[in-house]
Amino acid sequence: MYMTKANSFILETLSIEDVIGKYTPLKKRGTNYIGLCPFHPEKTPSFTVSPSKRIFKCFGCGKSGNIISFISTFKQITNNDAINFLINDFNLKVPEDLKTIKTEKETFDENSISNLFLNSIIDSFTLNISAVKTLIKFDEVVLTYDTFYVHNWKFGFRSFNILGNQCS
C-alpha cells in the first residue's frame, strides 16, 4: 500500500491527544486522557486516549485505533482522505517523497486493472448486443441498447414499453 510512509509520517508527527482533543474534550488522568466518546452518546467517560501507545479506545462501544482511523471514522471518510485532511488541517510540511498522496477517486484511473477489466466487459457486451438491434421483447417491454450510457456511465439497458415510453 502506497500510504504506509504517509501513515508513519502522520503518526510520528502529530500527537494523538491534540488531534482527538479538537473533537471531544479530554481530561488528563494519570498517563492517559479520558473523555466522552464522540461515536456514541454516554454520560460517564469511557473513551481513553493513550499518548504513549498513540491509540484511542472506547470501552463503551469498542471503537479503537490511531489518529488516522479516528479521523476516518469521525469524518466518515477513507483513510487516504483522512491523511490528506490531517496534513491540511495541521499545516504539516510533507517530505518530497510523500507529496504524491492520492485520494481514493484518483487511484481509479484509466489505466487501473479494474477499469481495464470493466472496459473489456463493456466491449464484449457491445459486440454481443450490437448483433441484435431490437434486443428483447418480453411482456410488452422492449429493452434498447444505448452506447452513450455504456461507455460513459458504465451501464447500458433502458427499458421502454411498446409505445416507446421509458419504464421506471
C-alpha atoms as a PDB file:
ATOM      1  CA  MET A   1       0.000   0.000   0.000  1.00  0.00           C
ATOM      2  CA  TYR A   2       1.471   3.332  -1.049  1.00  0.00           C
ATOM      3  CA  MET A   3       0.117   5.138   2.015  1.00  0.00           C
ATOM      4  CA  THR A   4       2.311   3.396   4.624  1.00  0.00           C
ATOM      5  CA  LYS A   5       5.012   6.111   4.506  1.00  0.00           C
ATOM      6  CA  ALA A   6       2.355   8.783   4.896  1.00  0.00           C
ATOM      7  CA  ASN A   7       0.775   6.801   7.758  1.00  0.00           C
ATOM      8  CA  SER A   8       4.089   6.674   9.600  1.00  0.00           C
ATOM      9  CA  PHE A   9       4.737  10.363   8.950  1.00  0.00           C
ATOM     10  CA  ILE A  10       1.333  11.375  10.377  1.00  0.00           C
ATOM     11  CA  LEU A  11       1.579   9.056  13.388  1.00  0.00           C
ATOM     12  CA  GLU A  12       5.082  10.279  14.287  1.00  0.00           C
ATOM     13  CA  THR A  13       4.420  13.978  13.687  1.00  0.00           C
ATOM     14  CA  LEU A  14       1.058  14.587  15.363  1.00  0.00           C
ATOM     15  CA  SER A  15       0.178  13.945  18.988  1.00  0.00           C
ATOM     16  CA  ILE A  16      -2.976  11.902  19.314  1.00  0.00           C
ATOM     17  CA  GLU A  17      -4.294  13.905  22.283  1.00  0.00           C
ATOM     18  CA  ASP A  18      -4.078  17.166  20.294  1.00  0.00           C
ATOM     19  CA  VAL A  19      -5.917  15.745  17.301  1.00  0.00           C
ATOM     20  CA  ILE A  20      -8.686  13.984  19.233  1.00  0.00           C
ATOM     21  CA  GLY A  21      -8.899  16.902  21.679  1.00  0.00           C
ATOM     22  CA  LYS A  22     -10.149  19.089  18.815  1.00  0.00           C
ATOM     23  CA  TYR A  23     -13.257  16.893  18.510  1.00  0.00           C
ATOM     24  CA  THR A  24     -14.023  15.865  22.088  1.00  0.00           C
ATOM     25  CA  PRO A  25     -12.908  17.360  25.424  1.00  0.00           C
ATOM     26  CA  LEU A  26     -10.233  15.256  27.130  1.00  0.00           C
ATOM     27  CA  LYS A  27      -9.029  15.318  30.748  1.00  0.00           C
ATOM     28  CA  LYS A  28      -5.664  14.028  31.871  1.00  0.00           C
ATOM     29  CA  ARG A  29      -5.972  11.031  34.174  1.00  0.00           C
ATOM     30  CA  GLY A  30      -2.558   9.573  35.051  1.00  0.00           C
ATOM     31  CA  THR A  31      -0.600   8.991  31.847  1.00  0.00           C
ATOM     32  CA  ASN A  32      -3.744   8.792  29.697  1.00  0.00           C
ATOM     33  CA  TYR A  33      -6.576  11.128  28.748  1.00  0.00           C
ATOM     34  CA  ILE A  34     -10.260  10.322  29.178  1.00  0.00           C
ATOM     35  CA  GLY A  35     -13.439  11.837  27.833  1.00  0.00           C
ATOM     36  CA  LEU A  36     -16.877  11.175  26.415  1.00  0.00           C
ATOM     37  CA  CYS A  37     -16.854   9.056  23.288  1.00  0.00           C
ATOM     38  CA  PRO A  38     -17.650  11.030  20.125  1.00  0.00           C
ATOM     39  CA  PHE A  39     -19.050   7.913  18.444  1.00  0.00           C
ATOM     40  CA  HIS A  40     -21.971   7.190  20.775  1.00  0.00           C
ATOM     41  CA  PRO A  41     -23.969   9.043  23.446  1.00  0.00           C
ATOM     42  CA  GLU A  42     -22.844   8.485  27.016  1.00  0.00           C
ATOM     43  CA  LYS A  43     -22.904  10.211  30.400  1.00  0.00           C
ATOM     44  CA  THR A  44     -19.848   8.614  32.003  1.00  0.00           C
ATOM     45  CA  PRO A  45     -16.469   8.900  30.200  1.00  0.00           C
ATOM     46  CA  SER A  46     -15.383   5.603  28.675  1.00  0.00           C
ATOM     47  CA  PHE A  47     -13.166   6.992  25.921  1.00  0.00           C
ATOM     48  CA  THR A  48      -9.428   6.687  26.644  1.00  0.00           C
ATOM     49  CA  VAL A  49      -6.502   8.159  24.707  1.00  0.00           C
ATOM     50  CA  SER A  50      -3.016   6.788  25.335  1.00  0.00           C
ATOM     51  CA  PRO A  51      -0.274   9.182  24.139  1.00  0.00           C
ATOM     52  CA  SER A  52       2.494   6.664  24.871  1.00  0.00           C
ATOM     53  CA  LYS A  53       0.852   3.982  22.713  1.00  0.00           C
ATOM     54  CA  ARG A  54      -0.614   6.557  20.280  1.00  0.00           C
ATOM     55  CA  ILE A  55      -4.031   4.881  20.318  1.00  0.00           C
ATOM     56  CA  PHE A  56      -7.582   5.525  21.482  1.00  0.00           C
ATOM     57  CA  LYS A  57     -10.120   3.058  22.857  1.00  0.00           C
ATOM     58  CA  CYS A  58     -13.742   3.403  23.859  1.00  0.00           C
ATOM     59  CA  PHE A  59     -14.731   0.799  26.420  1.00  0.00           C
ATOM     60  CA  GLY A  60     -18.414   1.566  25.783  1.00  0.00           C
ATOM     61  CA  CYS A  61     -18.758   0.975  22.035  1.00  0.00           C
ATOM     62  CA  GLY A  62     -15.438  -0.792  21.423  1.00  0.00           C
ATOM     63  CA  LYS A  63     -14.053   1.567  18.793  1.00  0.00           C
ATOM     64  CA  SER A  64     -10.287   1.862  18.844  1.00  0.00           C
ATOM     65  CA  GLY A  65      -7.400   2.838  16.634  1.00  0.00           C
ATOM     66  CA  ASN A  66      -4.903   5.589  15.874  1.00  0.00           C
ATOM     67  CA  ILE A  67      -5.139   9.201  14.690  1.00  0.00           C
ATOM     68  CA  ILE A  68      -5.916   8.251  11.094  1.00  0.00           C
ATOM     69  CA  SER A  69      -8.654   5.758  11.952  1.00  0.00           C
ATOM     70  CA  PHE A  70     -10.186   8.270  14.386  1.00  0.00           C
ATOM     71  CA  ILE A  71     -10.470  10.988  11.711  1.00  0.00           C
ATOM     72  CA  SER A  72     -11.621   8.445   9.140  1.00  0.00           C
ATOM     73  CA  THR A  73     -14.416   7.216  11.418  1.00  0.00           C
ATOM     74  CA  PHE A  74     -15.355  10.607  12.862  1.00  0.00           C
ATOM     75  CA  LYS A  75     -15.493  12.402   9.482  1.00  0.00           C
ATOM     76  CA  GLN A  76     -16.783   9.282   7.655  1.00  0.00           C
ATOM     77  CA  ILE A  77     -14.053   9.444   5.004  1.00  0.00           C
ATOM     78  CA  THR A  78     -11.464   6.977   3.717  1.00  0.00           C
ATOM     79  CA  ASN A  79      -8.082   6.581   5.385  1.00  0.00           C
ATOM     80  CA  ASN A  80      -6.348   8.245   2.420  1.00  0.00           C
ATOM     81  CA  ASP A  81      -8.672  11.226   2.656  1.00  0.00           C
ATOM     82  CA  ALA A  82      -8.106  11.317   6.432  1.00  0.00           C
ATOM     83  CA  ILE A  83      -4.353  11.563   5.849  1.00  0.00           C
ATOM     84  CA  ASN A  84      -4.857  14.421   3.392  1.00  0.00           C
ATOM     85  CA  PHE A  85      -7.235  16.105   5.846  1.00  0.00           C
ATOM     86  CA  LEU A  86      -4.719  15.873   8.711  1.00  0.00           C
ATOM     87  CA  ILE A  87      -1.907  17.233   6.533  1.00  0.00           C
ATOM     88  CA  ASN A  88      -4.037  20.213   5.508  1.00  0.00           C
ATOM     89  CA  ASP A  89      -5.702  20.797   8.891  1.00  0.00           C
ATOM     90  CA  PHE A  90      -2.427  20.827  10.851  1.00  0.00           C
ATOM     91  CA  ASN A  91      -0.403  22.554   8.077  1.00  0.00           C
ATOM     92  CA  LEU A  92       2.209  19.808   8.024  1.00  0.00           C
ATOM     93  CA  LYS A  93       5.267  20.204   5.821  1.00  0.00           C
ATOM     94  CA  VAL A  94       5.239  16.983   3.854  1.00  0.00           C
ATOM     95  CA  PRO A  95       8.568  15.493   2.706  1.00  0.00           C
ATOM     96  CA  GLU A  96       9.031  15.418  -1.078  1.00  0.00           C
ATOM     97  CA  ASP A  97       8.714  11.631  -1.356  1.00  0.00           C
ATOM     98  CA  LEU A  98       5.227  11.772   0.230  1.00  0.00           C
ATOM     99  CA  LYS A  99       3.748  14.551  -1.910  1.00  0.00           C
ATOM    100  CA  THR A 100       2.115  12.085  -4.293  1.00  0.00           C
ATOM    101  CA  ILE A 101      -0.613  11.136  -1.815  1.00  0.00           C
ATOM    102  CA  LYS A 102      -3.765  10.412  -3.804  1.00  0.00           C
ATOM    103  CA  THR A 103      -7.400  10.195  -2.843  1.00  0.00           C
ATOM    104  CA  GLU A 104      -9.403   7.022  -3.464  1.00  0.00           C
ATOM    105  CA  LYS A 105     -11.063   8.582  -6.510  1.00  0.00           C
ATOM    106  CA  GLU A 106      -7.717   9.484  -8.078  1.00  0.00           C
ATOM    107  CA  THR A 107      -6.406   5.926  -7.750  1.00  0.00           C
ATOM    108  CA  PHE A 108      -9.179   4.606 -10.020  1.00  0.00           C
ATOM    109  CA  ASP A 109      -7.887   5.981 -13.298  1.00  0.00           C
ATOM    110  CA  GLU A 110      -7.977   4.949 -16.952  1.00  0.00           C
ATOM    111  CA  ASN A 111      -5.060   2.519 -16.568  1.00  0.00           C
ATOM    112  CA  SER A 112      -6.136   0.715 -13.430  1.00  0.00           C
ATOM    113  CA  ILE A 113      -6.586  -3.027 -13.686  1.00  0.00           C
ATOM    114  CA  SER A 114     -10.185  -2.916 -12.512  1.00  0.00           C
ATOM    115  CA  ASN A 115     -11.053  -0.236 -15.068  1.00  0.00           C
ATOM    116  CA  LEU A 116      -9.363  -2.218 -17.872  1.00  0.00           C
ATOM    117  CA  PHE A 117     -11.335  -5.290 -16.812  1.00  0.00           C
ATOM    118  CA  LEU A 118     -14.582  -3.300 -16.755  1.00  0.00           C
ATOM    119  CA  ASN A 119     -13.872  -1.856 -20.217  1.00  0.00           C
ATOM    120  CA  SER A 120     -13.214  -5.347 -21.627  1.00  0.00           C
ATOM    121  CA  ILE A 121     -16.583  -6.490 -20.263  1.00  0.00           C
ATOM    122  CA  ILE A 122     -18.270  -3.449 -21.827  1.00  0.00           C
ATOM    123  CA  ASP A 123     -16.577  -4.107 -25.178  1.00  0.00           C
ATOM    124  CA  SER A 124     -17.709  -7.739 -25.081  1.00  0.00           C
ATOM    125  CA  PHE A 125     -21.209  -6.611 -24.138  1.00  0.00           C
ATOM    126  CA  THR A 126     -21.198  -4.103 -27.032  1.00  0.00           C
ATOM    127  CA  LEU A 127     -20.161  -6.729 -29.579  1.00  0.00           C
ATOM    128  CA  ASN A 128     -22.766  -9.219 -28.405  1.00  0.00           C
ATOM    129  CA  ILE A 129     -25.597  -6.709 -28.204  1.00  0.00           C
ATOM    130  CA  SER A 130     -24.893  -4.836 -31.427  1.00  0.00           C
ATOM    131  CA  ALA A 131     -25.749  -8.003 -33.389  1.00  0.00           C
ATOM    132  CA  VAL A 132     -29.287  -7.775 -32.034  1.00  0.00           C
ATOM    133  CA  LYS A 133     -30.791  -4.354 -32.839  1.00  0.00           C
ATOM    134  CA  THR A 134     -34.090  -4.771 -31.012  1.00  0.00           C
ATOM    135  CA  LEU A 135     -32.960  -6.692 -28.048  1.00  0.00           C
ATOM    136  CA  ILE A 136     -35.648  -8.371 -26.029  1.00  0.00           C
ATOM    137  CA  LYS A 137     -39.404  -8.231 -26.272  1.00  0.00           C
ATOM    138  CA  PHE A 138     -40.790  -9.608 -23.035  1.00  0.00           C
ATOM    139  CA  ASP A 139     -44.246  -8.852 -21.619  1.00  0.00           C
ATOM    140  CA  GLU A 140     -44.626  -5.725 -23.765  1.00  0.00           C
ATOM    141  CA  VAL A 141     -41.324  -4.242 -22.619  1.00  0.00           C
ATOM    142  CA  VAL A 142     -38.562  -3.609 -25.133  1.00  0.00           C
ATOM    143  CA  LEU A 143     -35.017  -3.189 -23.872  1.00  0.00           C
ATOM    144  CA  THR A 144     -32.854  -0.944 -26.040  1.00  0.00           C
ATOM    145  CA  TYR A 145     -29.132  -0.524 -26.098  1.00  0.00           C
ATOM    146  CA  ASP A 146     -27.569   2.913 -25.764  1.00  0.00           C
ATOM    147  CA  THR A 147     -23.795   3.151 -26.317  1.00  0.00           C
ATOM    148  CA  PHE A 148     -23.557   6.558 -24.634  1.00  0.00           C
ATOM    149  CA  TYR A 149     -24.623   5.167 -21.274  1.00  0.00           C
ATOM    150  CA  VAL A 150     -22.495   2.031 -21.545  1.00  0.00           C
ATOM    151  CA  HIS A 151     -19.249   3.832 -22.359  1.00  0.00           C
ATOM    152  CA  ASN A 152     -19.700   6.986 -20.271  1.00  0.00           C
ATOM    153  CA  TRP A 153     -21.653   5.755 -17.254  1.00  0.00           C
ATOM    154  CA  LYS A 154     -20.689   2.055 -17.353  1.00  0.00           C
ATOM    155  CA  PHE A 155     -24.259   0.735 -17.613  1.00  0.00           C
ATOM    156  CA  GLY A 156     -26.420   0.117 -20.610  1.00  0.00           C
ATOM    157  CA  PHE A 157     -30.039  -1.029 -20.749  1.00  0.00           C
ATOM    158  CA  ARG A 158     -33.051   1.257 -20.677  1.00  0.00           C
ATOM    159  CA  SER A 159     -36.493  -0.269 -20.667  1.00  0.00           C
ATOM    160  CA  PHE A 160     -39.309   1.014 -22.852  1.00  0.00           C
ATOM    161  CA  ASN A 161     -42.831  -0.196 -23.244  1.00  0.00           C
ATOM    162  CA  ILE A 162     -44.351  -0.939 -26.655  1.00  0.00           C
ATOM    163  CA  LEU A 163     -45.419   2.694 -27.118  1.00  0.00           C
ATOM    164  CA  GLY A 164     -41.843   3.915 -26.651  1.00  0.00           C
ATOM    165  CA  ASN A 165     -42.310   5.404 -23.176  1.00  0.00           C
ATOM    166  CA  GLN A 166     -39.464   4.780 -20.768  1.00  0.00           C
ATOM    167  CA  CYS A 167     -40.356   2.397 -17.932  1.00  0.00           C
ATOM    168  CA  SER A 168     -39.339   3.147 -14.364  1.00  0.00           C
END
